Amino acid sequence: MGSFVTIGFVVVCVIAGVYGIVSGIREGKKELKARTVDDMIKKAAREAAEDICDSTIYPYVVPAGYLQDIGPMPDGCIRPLGHGIYSVLASDLGGMVRIFNARDIQELNKTPDEIYQLAIANLERVARDREVDIKVVPKGPQDKPFILFTDHWTAATCILLPKLRAMATQTLGTGEFCISIPHRDVMLVFAKGDKAYRDEMMAMIREKETPDAQKPLTWDLFEFRDGNICEFTE
């Protein structure tokens, strides 16, 4: 009887030992997998940072929902425009737009203001080189002209162009105008006019620019006030 008890005890110990080894292997695999995923994320971040150069940095107009994924940022990297729309910093990685996070800002070794000025200069270059399709539509509602920016991911972001006000004033023949950015890939600039005219313009915009377009922004309007972009309210 004693030998059977001894054998049973040994078998239990062996099973327990094997179980412990198997559990250890499983935990080790989990830890290795976690480290591998973490390493892959860090590697992707490093490669993305390496792809960022001065000529690929742009401002990027986004809705407030995007800010949740960015996390805390240094002052000056996120700038409110109004109507729940913000200007952030981003990089054009061969057609894919990647919004900067705090680590990206740190690795650029520049102040937020320096990065922002660089981004605006690149936006001006895109507009100057007509990568954004910019055209004057001579007859819109009430036979009045308006300016259309389209066919590029920076189209709505062109609301930040320093020379936009001068361009619109010269083209539209008035220094009072409204700006519409219903989604990322389009911007319309038109004379402020009266409420009836604005209503006709917005009816046209809502008809032409489908509300289910990718990257929607806002149906609300903006204007220049004291040299700055701000909310337009009736």
Protein backbone atom coordinates (compact mmCIF):
# COMPACT_ATOMS: atom_id res chain seq x y z
CA MET A 1 0.00 0.00 0.00
CA GLY A 2 2.84 2.37 0.89
CA SER A 3 4.44 1.91 -2.53
CA PHE A 4 1.20 2.83 -4.26
CA VAL A 5 0.92 5.98 -2.17
CA THR A 6 4.51 6.87 -2.97
CA ILE A 7 3.99 6.27 -6.69
CA GLY A 8 0.78 8.31 -6.60
CA PHE A 9 2.56 11.15 -4.86
CA VAL A 10 5.34 11.08 -7.44
CA VAL A 11 2.84 11.11 -10.31
CA VAL A 12 1.04 14.09 -8.78
CA CYS A 13 4.34 15.93 -8.40
CA VAL A 14 5.30 15.17 -11.98
CA ILE A 15 1.93 16.36 -13.27
CA ALA A 16 2.17 19.49 -11.16
CA GLY A 17 5.68 20.10 -12.44
CA VAL A 18 4.62 19.60 -16.04
CA TYR A 19 1.64 21.92 -15.49
CA GLY A 20 3.95 24.52 -14.02
CA ILE A 21 6.29 24.24 -16.99
CA VAL A 22 3.42 24.49 -19.47
CA SER A 23 1.97 27.48 -17.60
CA GLY A 24 5.39 29.08 -17.57
CA ILE A 25 5.74 28.54 -21.30
CA ARG A 26 2.30 30.04 -21.92
CA GLU A 27 3.05 33.06 -19.76
CA GLY A 28 6.40 33.39 -21.47
CA LYS A 29 4.73 33.32 -24.87
CA LYS A 30 2.25 35.96 -23.74
CA GLU A 31 5.06 38.15 -22.46
CA LEU A 32 7.06 37.61 -25.65
CA LYS A 33 4.01 38.41 -27.79
CA ALA A 34 3.34 41.57 -25.76
CA ARG A 35 6.96 42.63 -26.15
CA THR A 36 6.85 41.83 -29.87
CA VAL A 37 3.69 43.94 -30.41
CA ASP A 38 5.17 46.76 -28.36
CA ASP A 39 8.40 46.58 -30.36
CA MET A 40 6.43 46.63 -33.61
CA ILE A 41 4.52 49.74 -32.50
CA LYS A 42 7.73 51.48 -31.47
CA LYS A 43 9.40 50.51 -34.76
CA ALA A 44 6.46 51.84 -36.78
CA ALA A 45 6.58 55.10 -34.82
CA ARG A 46 10.32 55.44 -35.45
CA GLU A 47 9.92 54.75 -39.17
CA ALA A 48 7.05 57.25 -39.42
CA ALA A 49 9.13 59.86 -37.63
CA GLU A 50 12.02 59.22 -40.00
CA ASP A 51 9.69 59.83 -42.95
CA ILE A 52 8.75 63.26 -41.59
CA CYS A 53 10.80 66.03 -43.15
CA ASP A 54 10.25 69.77 -43.34
CA SER A 55 8.62 69.62 -46.78
CA THR A 56 5.93 67.12 -45.66
CA ILE A 57 4.61 69.09 -42.68
CA TYR A 58 1.21 70.78 -43.06
CA PRO A 59 -1.57 72.24 -40.99
CA TYR A 60 -4.68 70.07 -41.09
CA VAL A 61 -8.25 71.17 -40.36
CA VAL A 62 -10.17 68.54 -38.39
CA PRO A 63 -13.33 68.22 -36.25
CA ALA A 64 -13.09 68.04 -32.46
CA GLY A 65 -13.49 64.25 -32.45
CA TYR A 66 -10.00 63.83 -33.87
CA LEU A 67 -8.44 65.44 -30.81
CA GLN A 68 -9.29 62.44 -28.63
CA ASP A 69 -6.76 60.31 -30.53
CA ILE A 70 -3.98 62.90 -30.40
CA GLY A 71 -3.66 63.23 -26.64
CA PRO A 72 -2.03 66.12 -24.77
CA MET A 73 0.00 68.45 -26.98
CA PRO A 74 2.32 71.42 -26.41
CA ASP A 75 0.69 74.85 -26.58
CA GLY A 76 0.34 76.14 -30.14
CA CYS A 77 0.03 72.74 -31.81
CA ILE A 78 -3.78 72.69 -31.72
CA ARG A 79 -5.56 75.91 -32.70
CA PRO A 80 -9.36 76.38 -32.54
CA LEU A 81 -11.10 77.95 -35.52
CA GLY A 82 -14.67 77.80 -34.22
CA HIS A 83 -17.75 75.62 -34.82
CA GLY A 84 -15.89 72.66 -33.27
CA ILE A 85 -13.15 72.79 -35.94
CA TYR A 86 -9.43 72.83 -35.12
CA SER A 87 -6.14 73.22 -36.91
CA VAL A 88 -3.58 70.55 -36.02
CA LEU A 89 -0.19 69.60 -37.43
CA ALA A 90 0.22 66.65 -39.76
CA SER A 91 2.53 65.02 -42.27
CA ASP A 92 1.79 63.89 -45.81
CA LEU A 93 3.35 60.42 -46.07
CA GLY A 94 2.89 59.74 -49.77
CA GLY A 95 -0.82 60.46 -49.79
CA MET A 96 -1.52 59.20 -46.27
CA VAL A 97 -2.10 61.98 -43.74
CA ARG A 98 -0.76 61.33 -40.25
CA ILE A 99 -1.57 63.74 -37.43
CA PHE A 100 1.32 64.62 -35.14
CA ASN A 101 1.40 63.61 -31.50
CA ALA A 102 3.58 65.02 -28.73
CA ARG A 103 6.44 62.62 -29.54
CA ASP A 104 6.53 63.81 -33.16
CA ILE A 105 6.78 67.42 -32.01
CA GLN A 106 9.61 66.56 -29.65
CA GLU A 107 11.57 64.67 -32.30
CA LEU A 108 11.38 67.58 -34.76
CA ASN A 109 13.51 69.68 -32.41
CA LYS A 110 11.56 72.83 -33.24
CA THR A 111 9.16 75.00 -31.28
CA PRO A 112 5.43 74.64 -32.06
CA ASP A 113 5.45 78.12 -33.63
CA GLU A 114 8.39 77.20 -35.89
CA ILE A 115 6.63 74.02 -36.97
CA TYR A 116 3.37 75.89 -37.58
CA GLN A 117 5.07 78.55 -39.73
CA LEU A 118 6.79 75.80 -41.71
CA ALA A 119 3.45 74.05 -42.18
CA ILE A 120 1.79 77.24 -43.42
CA ALA A 121 4.65 77.81 -45.89
CA ASN A 122 4.11 74.30 -47.27
CA LEU A 123 0.37 74.95 -47.56
CA GLU A 124 1.12 78.11 -49.53
CA ARG A 125 3.37 76.09 -51.84
CA VAL A 126 0.61 73.53 -52.45
CA ALA A 127 -1.81 76.33 -53.36
CA ARG A 128 0.76 78.15 -55.50
CA ASP A 129 1.65 74.97 -57.41
CA ARG A 130 -2.07 74.30 -57.90
CA GLU A 131 -1.94 70.86 -56.32
CA VAL A 132 -5.25 72.08 -54.95
CA ASP A 133 -7.68 72.83 -57.77
CA ILE A 134 -8.57 76.52 -57.30
CA LYS A 135 -11.07 78.06 -59.67
CA VAL A 136 -13.52 80.91 -59.86
CA VAL A 137 -17.08 79.91 -60.69
CA PRO A 138 -18.36 83.05 -62.46
CA LYS A 139 -22.07 82.43 -61.96
CA GLY A 140 -23.46 80.88 -58.83
CA PRO A 141 -26.71 81.74 -57.04
CA GLN A 142 -27.98 85.19 -58.04
CA ASP A 143 -25.38 85.10 -60.84
CA LYS A 144 -22.62 85.98 -58.37
CA PRO A 145 -19.15 84.44 -58.51
CA PHE A 146 -17.57 82.28 -55.84
CA ILE A 147 -14.18 80.62 -55.37
CA LEU A 148 -13.90 76.83 -55.20
CA PHE A 149 -10.98 74.90 -53.70
CA THR A 150 -11.16 71.17 -54.32
CA ASP A 151 -9.56 67.83 -55.26
CA HIS A 152 -6.91 67.74 -52.55
CA TRP A 153 -6.80 66.79 -48.88
CA THR A 154 -5.65 70.33 -48.01
CA ALA A 155 -8.61 72.03 -49.76
CA ALA A 156 -10.51 72.88 -46.57
CA THR A 157 -7.24 73.61 -44.79
CA CYS A 158 -6.68 76.43 -47.30
CA ILE A 159 -8.89 78.46 -44.97
CA LEU A 160 -5.58 79.10 -43.17
CA LEU A 161 -3.81 80.62 -46.19
CA PRO A 162 -2.39 84.02 -45.17
CA LYS A 163 -3.29 85.54 -48.55
CA LEU A 164 -6.80 84.12 -48.72
CA ARG A 165 -8.42 87.38 -47.67
CA ALA A 166 -6.56 89.43 -50.29
CA MET A 167 -7.31 86.86 -52.98
CA ALA A 168 -11.03 86.73 -52.13
CA THR A 169 -11.32 90.53 -51.92
CA GLN A 170 -9.77 90.96 -55.36
CA THR A 171 -11.75 88.13 -56.96
CA LEU A 172 -15.15 88.80 -55.39
CA GLY A 173 -14.92 92.58 -55.34
CA THR A 174 -15.70 92.79 -51.63
CA GLY A 175 -13.82 92.46 -48.37
CA GLU A 176 -16.80 90.84 -46.67
CA PHE A 177 -17.22 87.18 -47.49
CA CYS A 178 -18.10 83.82 -46.00
CA ILE A 179 -16.17 80.56 -46.08
CA SER A 180 -17.72 77.09 -46.18
CA ILE A 181 -15.79 73.87 -45.43
CA PRO A 182 -18.39 71.07 -45.45
CA HIS A 183 -15.71 68.38 -45.70
CA ARG A 184 -11.96 67.98 -45.94
CA ASP A 185 -11.67 68.05 -49.73
CA VAL A 186 -13.56 71.24 -50.54
CA MET A 187 -13.79 74.90 -49.58
CA LEU A 188 -16.04 77.62 -51.00
CA VAL A 189 -15.52 81.36 -50.55
CA PHE A 190 -18.34 83.73 -51.49
CA ALA A 191 -19.50 87.29 -50.85
CA LYS A 192 -21.36 87.71 -47.58
CA GLY A 193 -24.29 89.45 -49.25
CA ASP A 194 -27.61 89.33 -47.44
CA LYS A 195 -29.28 86.41 -45.67
CA ALA A 196 -31.31 85.44 -48.73
CA TYR A 197 -28.12 85.09 -50.79
CA ARG A 198 -26.35 83.12 -48.06
CA ASP A 199 -29.32 80.78 -47.80
CA GLU A 200 -29.19 80.18 -51.57
CA MET A 201 -25.45 79.49 -51.39
CA MET A 202 -25.87 77.04 -48.53
CA ALA A 203 -28.72 75.28 -50.34
CA MET A 204 -26.43 74.82 -53.35
CA ILE A 205 -23.54 73.60 -51.17
CA ARG A 206 -25.75 71.11 -49.37
CA GLU A 207 -27.01 69.81 -52.71
CA LYS A 208 -23.57 69.51 -54.31
CA GLU A 209 -21.53 68.41 -51.30
CA THR A 210 -23.22 65.29 -50.02
CA PRO A 211 -23.47 65.09 -46.22
CA ASP A 212 -22.06 61.53 -46.23
CA ALA A 213 -18.81 62.63 -47.88
CA GLN A 214 -15.63 61.32 -46.32
CA LYS A 215 -14.02 63.46 -43.62
CA PRO A 216 -17.03 65.75 -42.90
CA LEU A 217 -16.29 69.04 -41.14
CA THR A 218 -19.15 71.52 -40.68
CA TRP A 219 -22.09 73.18 -42.43
CA ASP A 220 -21.52 76.34 -40.41
CA LEU A 221 -19.80 79.33 -42.00
CA PHE A 222 -16.65 81.27 -41.18
CA GLU A 223 -15.60 84.83 -41.90
CA PHE A 224 -12.64 87.16 -41.40
CA ARG A 225 -12.91 89.52 -38.45
CA ASP A 226 -10.04 91.76 -37.37
CA GLY A 227 -7.79 89.82 -39.69
CA ASN A 228 -8.60 86.44 -38.14
CA ILE A 229 -10.76 83.49 -39.16
CA CYS A 230 -13.74 83.22 -36.83
CA GLU A 231 -17.27 81.87 -36.65
CA PHE A 232 -19.90 83.55 -38.77
CA THR A 233 -23.29 83.79 -37.09
CA GLU A 234 -26.50 85.21 -38.48
